[in-house]
C-alpha atoms as a PDB file:
ATOM      1  CA  MET A   1       0.000   0.000   0.000  1.00  0.00           C
ATOM      2  CA  ARG A   2       2.820   2.352   0.872  1.00  0.00           C
ATOM      3  CA  ARG A   3       4.447   1.618  -2.523  1.00  0.00           C
ATOM      4  CA  ARG A   4       1.203   2.439  -4.256  1.00  0.00           C
ATOM      5  CA  LEU A   5       0.988   5.787  -2.390  1.00  0.00           C
ATOM      6  CA  ASN A   6       4.623   6.565  -3.218  1.00  0.00           C
ATOM      7  CA  ARG A   7       4.013   5.700  -6.856  1.00  0.00           C
ATOM      8  CA  ASN A   8       0.821   7.819  -6.972  1.00  0.00           C
ATOM      9  CA  HIS A   9       2.581  10.593  -5.097  1.00  0.00           C
ATOM     10  CA  ARG A  10       5.476  10.498  -7.611  1.00  0.00           C
ATOM     11  CA  ARG A  11       3.066  10.641 -10.562  1.00  0.00           C
ATOM     12  CA  TRP A  12       1.274  13.591  -9.016  1.00  0.00           C
ATOM     13  CA  ILE A  13       4.571  15.394  -8.467  1.00  0.00           C
ATOM     14  CA  GLU A  14       5.757  14.630 -12.024  1.00  0.00           C
ATOM     15  CA  SER A  15       2.505  15.832 -13.604  1.00  0.00           C
ATOM     16  CA  GLY A  16       2.507  18.879 -11.348  1.00  0.00           C
ATOM     17  CA  SER A  17       6.080  19.676 -12.384  1.00  0.00           C
ATOM     18  CA  VAL A  18       5.173  19.428 -16.052  1.00  0.00           C
ATOM     19  CA  THR A  19       2.120  21.639 -15.530  1.00  0.00           C
ATOM     20  CA  LEU A  20       4.171  24.164 -13.592  1.00  0.00           C
ATOM     21  CA  SER A  21       6.816  24.219 -16.355  1.00  0.00           C
ATOM     22  CA  VAL A  22       4.178  24.798 -19.023  1.00  0.00           C
ATOM     23  CA  LEU A  23       2.652  27.614 -16.974  1.00  0.00           C
ATOM     24  CA  LEU A  24       6.072  29.225 -16.454  1.00  0.00           C
ATOM     25  CA  ILE A  25       6.855  29.078 -20.162  1.00  0.00           C
ATOM     26  CA  ALA A  26       3.451  30.478 -21.085  1.00  0.00           C
ATOM     27  CA  GLY A  27       3.743  33.277 -18.526  1.00  0.00           C
ATOM     28  CA  THR A  28       7.242  34.203 -19.637  1.00  0.00           C
ATOM     29  CA  SER A  29       6.159  34.198 -23.283  1.00  0.00           C
ATOM     30  CA  TRP A  30       3.219  36.414 -22.466  1.00  0.00           C
ATOM     31  CA  LEU A  31       5.471  38.901 -20.659  1.00  0.00           C
ATOM     32  CA  TRP A  32       7.960  38.831 -23.527  1.00  0.00           C
ATOM     33  CA  PHE A  33       5.438  39.442 -26.295  1.00  0.00           C
ATOM     34  CA  ARG A  34       2.896  41.634 -24.522  1.00  0.00           C
ATOM     35  CA  ASP A  35       4.488  44.859 -25.858  1.00  0.00           C
ATOM     36  CA  THR A  36       3.578  43.897 -29.411  1.00  0.00           C
ATOM     37  CA  SER A  37       0.198  42.440 -28.648  1.00  0.00           C
ATOM     38  CA  PRO A  38      -2.576  43.369 -31.062  1.00  0.00           C
ATOM     39  CA  ASP A  39      -4.802  43.581 -27.952  1.00  0.00           C
ATOM     40  CA  ASP A  40      -2.939  46.768 -27.012  1.00  0.00           C
ATOM     41  CA  PRO A  41      -3.615  48.945 -30.047  1.00  0.00           C
ATOM     42  CA  GLY A  42      -1.624  51.882 -28.696  1.00  0.00           C
ATOM     43  CA  VAL A  43       1.641  49.966 -28.457  1.00  0.00           C
ATOM     44  CA  ALA A  44       1.110  47.936 -31.626  1.00  0.00           C
ATOM     45  CA  SER A  45       0.025  50.903 -33.717  1.00  0.00           C
ATOM     46  CA  ALA A  46       2.904  53.066 -32.454  1.00  0.00           C
ATOM     47  CA  ALA A  47       5.432  50.385 -33.430  1.00  0.00           C
ATOM     48  CA  ALA A  48       3.772  49.896 -36.821  1.00  0.00           C
ATOM     49  CA  SER A  49       3.656  53.650 -37.351  1.00  0.00           C
ATOM     50  CA  ARG A  50       7.397  53.942 -36.605  1.00  0.00           C
ATOM     51  CA  ARG A  51       8.155  51.164 -39.112  1.00  0.00           C
ATOM     52  CA  MET A  52       5.988  52.854 -41.746  1.00  0.00           C
ATOM     53  CA  ASP A  53       7.627  56.227 -41.038  1.00  0.00           C
ATOM     54  CA  LEU A  54      11.082  54.724 -41.613  1.00  0.00           C
ATOM     55  CA  ILE A  55      10.008  53.147 -44.897  1.00  0.00           C
ATOM     56  CA  ALA A  56       8.477  56.441 -46.033  1.00  0.00           C
ATOM     57  CA  LEU A  57      11.689  58.278 -45.108  1.00  0.00           C
ATOM     58  CA  ALA A  58      13.692  55.826 -47.240  1.00  0.00           C
ATOM     59  CA  ALA A  59      11.929  56.988 -50.412  1.00  0.00           C
ATOM     60  CA  PHE A  60      13.776  59.317 -52.768  1.00  0.00           C
ATOM     61  CA  ASP A  61      13.675  60.761 -56.236  1.00  0.00           C
ATOM     62  CA  PRO A  62      16.556  59.433 -58.344  1.00  0.00           C
ATOM     63  CA  PRO A  63      19.343  61.963 -58.741  1.00  0.00           C
ATOM     64  CA  ALA A  64      20.181  63.076 -62.263  1.00  0.00           C
ATOM     65  CA  TYR A  65      22.804  60.982 -63.987  1.00  0.00           C
ATOM     66  CA  PRO A  66      25.935  63.006 -64.902  1.00  0.00           C
ATOM     67  CA  SER A  67      25.783  63.950 -68.563  1.00  0.00           C
ATOM     68  CA  ASP A  68      29.318  63.044 -69.608  1.00  0.00           C
ATOM     69  CA  SER A  69      30.836  59.599 -69.498  1.00  0.00           C
ATOM     70  CA  GLY A  70      34.165  61.336 -68.995  1.00  0.00           C
ATOM     71  CA  PRO A  71      37.711  60.808 -70.131  1.00  0.00           C
ATOM     72  CA  TRP A  72      38.384  59.062 -66.832  1.00  0.00           C
ATOM     73  CA  LEU A  73      36.802  55.887 -68.183  1.00  0.00           C
ATOM     74  CA  PRO A  74      38.665  53.198 -70.042  1.00  0.00           C
ATOM     75  CA  PRO A  75      37.391  53.103 -73.671  1.00  0.00           C
ATOM     76  CA  ASP A  76      35.767  49.668 -73.276  1.00  0.00           C
ATOM     77  CA  ALA A  77      33.760  50.901 -70.268  1.00  0.00           C
ATOM     78  CA  ARG A  78      32.685  54.198 -71.856  1.00  0.00           C
ATOM     79  CA  LYS A  79      30.178  52.559 -74.226  1.00  0.00           C
ATOM     80  CA  ILE A  80      28.698  50.453 -71.415  1.00  0.00           C
ATOM     81  CA  VAL A  81      28.353  53.501 -69.156  1.00  0.00           C
ATOM     82  CA  ASP A  82      26.655  55.468 -71.947  1.00  0.00           C
ATOM     83  CA  GLU A  83      24.136  52.634 -72.362  1.00  0.00           C
ATOM     84  CA  ALA A  84      23.649  52.518 -68.594  1.00  0.00           C
ATOM     85  CA  GLN A  85      22.998  56.247 -68.555  1.00  0.00           C
ATOM     86  CA  THR A  86      20.354  55.885 -71.261  1.00  0.00           C
ATOM     87  CA  ALA A  87      18.661  53.065 -69.312  1.00  0.00           C
ATOM     88  CA  TYR A  88      18.842  55.081 -66.067  1.00  0.00           C
ATOM     89  CA  GLU A  89      17.283  58.139 -67.696  1.00  0.00           C
ATOM     90  CA  ARG A  90      14.461  55.941 -69.063  1.00  0.00           C
ATOM     91  CA  LYS A  91      13.941  54.680 -65.493  1.00  0.00           C
ATOM     92  CA  ASP A  92      15.004  51.171 -66.516  1.00  0.00           C
ATOM     93  CA  TYR A  93      16.975  50.676 -63.329  1.00  0.00           C
ATOM     94  CA  LEU A  94      17.233  46.924 -63.717  1.00  0.00           C
ATOM     95  CA  ARG A  95      19.066  47.385 -67.018  1.00  0.00           C
ATOM     96  CA  SER A  96      21.202  50.248 -65.709  1.00  0.00           C
ATOM     97  CA  SER A  97      22.253  48.152 -62.704  1.00  0.00           C
ATOM     98  CA  ALA A  98      23.234  45.237 -64.974  1.00  0.00           C
ATOM     99  CA  LEU A  99      25.240  47.531 -67.257  1.00  0.00           C
ATOM    100  CA  LEU A 100      26.886  49.421 -64.388  1.00  0.00           C
ATOM    101  CA  GLN A 101      27.784  46.114 -62.743  1.00  0.00           C
ATOM    102  CA  GLN A 102      29.522  45.161 -65.971  1.00  0.00           C
ATOM    103  CA  ALA A 103      31.252  48.570 -66.150  1.00  0.00           C
ATOM    104  CA  SER A 104      32.441  48.287 -62.561  1.00  0.00           C
ATOM    105  CA  GLY A 105      34.398  45.218 -63.618  1.00  0.00           C
ATOM    106  CA  THR A 106      36.382  47.253 -66.149  1.00  0.00           C
ATOM    107  CA  ALA A 107      36.692  50.338 -63.907  1.00  0.00           C
ATOM    108  CA  PRO A 108      36.614  48.973 -60.329  1.00  0.00           C
ATOM    109  CA  SER A 109      37.984  52.150 -58.747  1.00  0.00           C
ATOM    110  CA  SER A 110      35.337  54.423 -60.259  1.00  0.00           C
ATOM    111  CA  ALA A 111      33.317  55.864 -57.383  1.00  0.00           C
ATOM    112  CA  ARG A 112      30.895  57.359 -59.889  1.00  0.00           C
ATOM    113  CA  ILE A 113      30.036  53.980 -61.405  1.00  0.00           C
ATOM    114  CA  ARG A 114      29.733  52.424 -57.938  1.00  0.00           C
ATOM    115  CA  LEU A 115      27.460  55.216 -56.677  1.00  0.00           C
ATOM    116  CA  TYR A 116      25.047  55.042 -59.617  1.00  0.00           C
ATOM    117  CA  LEU A 117      25.133  51.249 -59.488  1.00  0.00           C
ATOM    118  CA  ALA A 118      24.122  51.458 -55.816  1.00  0.00           C
ATOM    119  CA  ILE A 119      21.340  53.938 -56.587  1.00  0.00           C
ATOM    120  CA  SER A 120      20.088  51.655 -59.380  1.00  0.00           C
ATOM    121  CA  TYR A 121      20.089  48.767 -56.905  1.00  0.00           C
ATOM    122  CA  LEU A 122      18.089  50.842 -54.415  1.00  0.00           C
ATOM    123  CA  LEU A 123      15.584  51.676 -57.119  1.00  0.00           C
ATOM    124  CA  THR A 124      15.122  47.949 -57.869  1.00  0.00           C
ATOM    125  CA  SER A 125      14.819  47.149 -54.133  1.00  0.00           C
ATOM    126  CA  ASP A 126      18.118  45.234 -53.998  1.00  0.00           C
ATOM    127  CA  THR A 127      19.056  46.905 -50.731  1.00  0.00           C
ATOM    128  CA  ALA A 128      21.830  44.491 -49.729  1.00  0.00           C
ATOM    129  CA  ALA A 129      23.668  44.990 -53.041  1.00  0.00           C
ATOM    130  CA  ALA A 130      23.171  48.760 -52.739  1.00  0.00           C
ATOM    131  CA  ILE A 131      24.710  48.780 -49.263  1.00  0.00           C
ATOM    132  CA  HIS A 132      27.705  46.831 -50.541  1.00  0.00           C
ATOM    133  CA  GLU A 133      28.267  49.271 -53.427  1.00  0.00           C
ATOM    134  CA  LEU A 134      27.759  52.346 -51.244  1.00  0.00           C
ATOM    135  CA  ARG A 135      30.309  51.077 -48.728  1.00  0.00           C
ATOM    136  CA  THR A 136      32.700  50.453 -51.620  1.00  0.00           C
ATOM    137  CA  THR A 137      32.101  54.015 -52.853  1.00  0.00           C
ATOM    138  CA  ILE A 138      32.909  55.355 -49.389  1.00  0.00           C
ATOM    139  CA  ARG A 139      36.072  53.245 -49.178  1.00  0.00           C
ATOM    140  CA  LEU A 140      37.197  54.638 -52.546  1.00  0.00           C
ATOM    141  CA  GLY A 141      37.097  58.076 -50.885  1.00  0.00           C
ATOM    142  CA  ASP A 142      36.405  60.201 -53.975  1.00  0.00           C
ATOM    143  CA  PRO A 143      35.274  63.553 -52.506  1.00  0.00           C
ATOM    144  CA  ALA A 144      32.934  64.193 -55.456  1.00  0.00           C
ATOM    145  CA  TYR A 145      30.785  61.179 -54.475  1.00  0.00           C
ATOM    146  CA  LEU A 146      31.426  60.751 -50.746  1.00  0.00           C
ATOM    147  CA  GLN A 147      28.557  62.850 -49.401  1.00  0.00           C
ATOM    148  CA  SER A 148      26.090  61.231 -51.803  1.00  0.00           C
ATOM    149  CA  ALA A 149      27.297  57.764 -50.799  1.00  0.00           C
ATOM    150  CA  HIS A 150      26.673  58.495 -47.096  1.00  0.00           C
ATOM    151  CA  PHE A 151      23.268  60.015 -47.848  1.00  0.00           C
ATOM    152  CA  TYR A 152      22.039  57.090 -49.946  1.00  0.00           C
ATOM    153  CA  LEU A 153      23.530  54.583 -47.499  1.00  0.00           C
ATOM    154  CA  ALA A 154      21.316  56.206 -44.863  1.00  0.00           C
ATOM    155  CA  LYS A 155      18.336  55.672 -47.187  1.00  0.00           C
ATOM    156  CA  ALA A 156      19.316  52.000 -47.553  1.00  0.00           C
ATOM    157  CA  PHE A 157      19.517  51.590 -43.768  1.00  0.00           C
ATOM    158  CA  LEU A 158      16.076  53.154 -43.410  1.00  0.00           C
ATOM    159  CA  ARG A 159      14.751  50.550 -45.851  1.00  0.00           C
ATOM    160  CA  GLN A 160      16.199  47.907 -43.567  1.00  0.00           C
ATOM    161  CA  ARG A 161      14.537  49.608 -40.583  1.00  0.00           C
ATOM    162  CA  ASP A 162      17.935  50.463 -39.078  1.00  0.00           C
ATOM    163  CA  PRO A 163      17.526  54.060 -37.891  1.00  0.00           C
ATOM    164  CA  ALA A 164      20.690  54.121 -35.747  1.00  0.00           C
ATOM    165  CA  ASP A 165      22.972  53.404 -38.713  1.00  0.00           C
ATOM    166  CA  ALA A 166      20.929  55.796 -40.866  1.00  0.00           C
ATOM    167  CA  VAL A 167      21.489  58.627 -38.373  1.00  0.00           C
ATOM    168  CA  GLU A 168      25.216  57.811 -38.307  1.00  0.00           C
ATOM    169  CA  GLU A 169      25.450  58.033 -42.116  1.00  0.00           C
ATOM    170  CA  LEU A 170      23.414  61.242 -42.227  1.00  0.00           C
ATOM    171  CA  THR A 171      25.710  62.773 -39.629  1.00  0.00           C
ATOM    172  CA  ALA A 172      28.711  61.850 -41.796  1.00  0.00           C
ATOM    173  CA  ALA A 173      27.027  63.422 -44.836  1.00  0.00           C
ATOM    174  CA  ILE A 174      26.348  66.628 -42.880  1.00  0.00           C
ATOM    175  CA  LYS A 175      29.952  66.844 -41.667  1.00  0.00           C
ATOM    176  CA  LEU A 176      31.258  66.532 -45.221  1.00  0.00           C
ATOM    177  CA  GLY A 177      29.301  69.557 -46.392  1.00  0.00           C
ATOM    178  CA  GLY A 178      27.961  69.944 -49.901  1.00  0.00           C
ATOM    179  CA  PRO A 179      24.663  69.991 -51.774  1.00  0.00           C
ATOM    180  CA  LEU A 180      23.092  67.264 -49.618  1.00  0.00           C
ATOM    181  CA  THR A 181      23.896  68.894 -46.250  1.00  0.00           C
ATOM    182  CA  GLU A 182      20.461  70.453 -45.708  1.00  0.00           C
ATOM    183  CA  PRO A 183      18.487  67.440 -47.009  1.00  0.00           C
ATOM    184  CA  ALA A 184      20.614  65.212 -44.735  1.00  0.00           C
ATOM    185  CA  ARG A 185      20.009  67.504 -41.753  1.00  0.00           C
ATOM    186  CA  ARG A 186      16.232  67.529 -42.366  1.00  0.00           C
ATOM    187  CA  LEU A 187      16.140  63.756 -42.857  1.00  0.00           C
ATOM    188  CA  ARG A 188      18.156  63.134 -39.688  1.00  0.00           C
ATOM    189  CA  SER A 189      15.672  65.271 -37.707  1.00  0.00           C
ATOM    190  CA  ARG A 190      12.741  63.344 -39.168  1.00  0.00           C
ATOM    191  CA  VAL A 191      14.371  59.968 -38.392  1.00  0.00           C
ATOM    192  CA  GLN A 192      15.031  61.052 -34.814  1.00  0.00           C
ATOM    193  CA  ALA A 193      11.439  62.297 -34.475  1.00  0.00           C
ATOM    194  CA  ALA A 194      10.099  58.985 -35.795  1.00  0.00           C
ATOM    195  CA  LEU A 195      11.960  57.173 -33.030  1.00  0.00           C
ATOM    196  CA  MET A 196      10.309  59.132 -30.239  1.00  0.00           C
END
């Protein structure tokens, strides 16, 4: 009889332990996810609104493509870049990105090609490739394209919902000075406001 009680007592303890574990996991999960619960429309809508604000801030009008292919290009790349420019101006960003990718192989140290390749990637929603090309443009260090590279890298980070890195890139663009200083300053203020 005592064995039967011990066995029943053990079963009760084991099932109670399992139940307690399940309750602990459920309670912890509830605490973890309660901030994004659809039952709390204020919290959920504020988070969704911030995400939407960041995506809206990532939008941009494509900058004009420089009109000359330049003597700085090797002759075999010049024709490709001219075709890429035509595609870019027609808003065929998929074609311009393919052509500029090809041109970057013949002129790998051209910050101009890298920048417009990155912008074409952004305009075709290939954000990861754009980030890679913008970082390459920055590493090349050509002052004519450096501010633009930081500015559009901030736009890419906003697309990835990464406001901290976007603010960092906008700050770099502001410090460099140039035609994008005021747009970068305004955008940085709007990103910071969206985070509050």
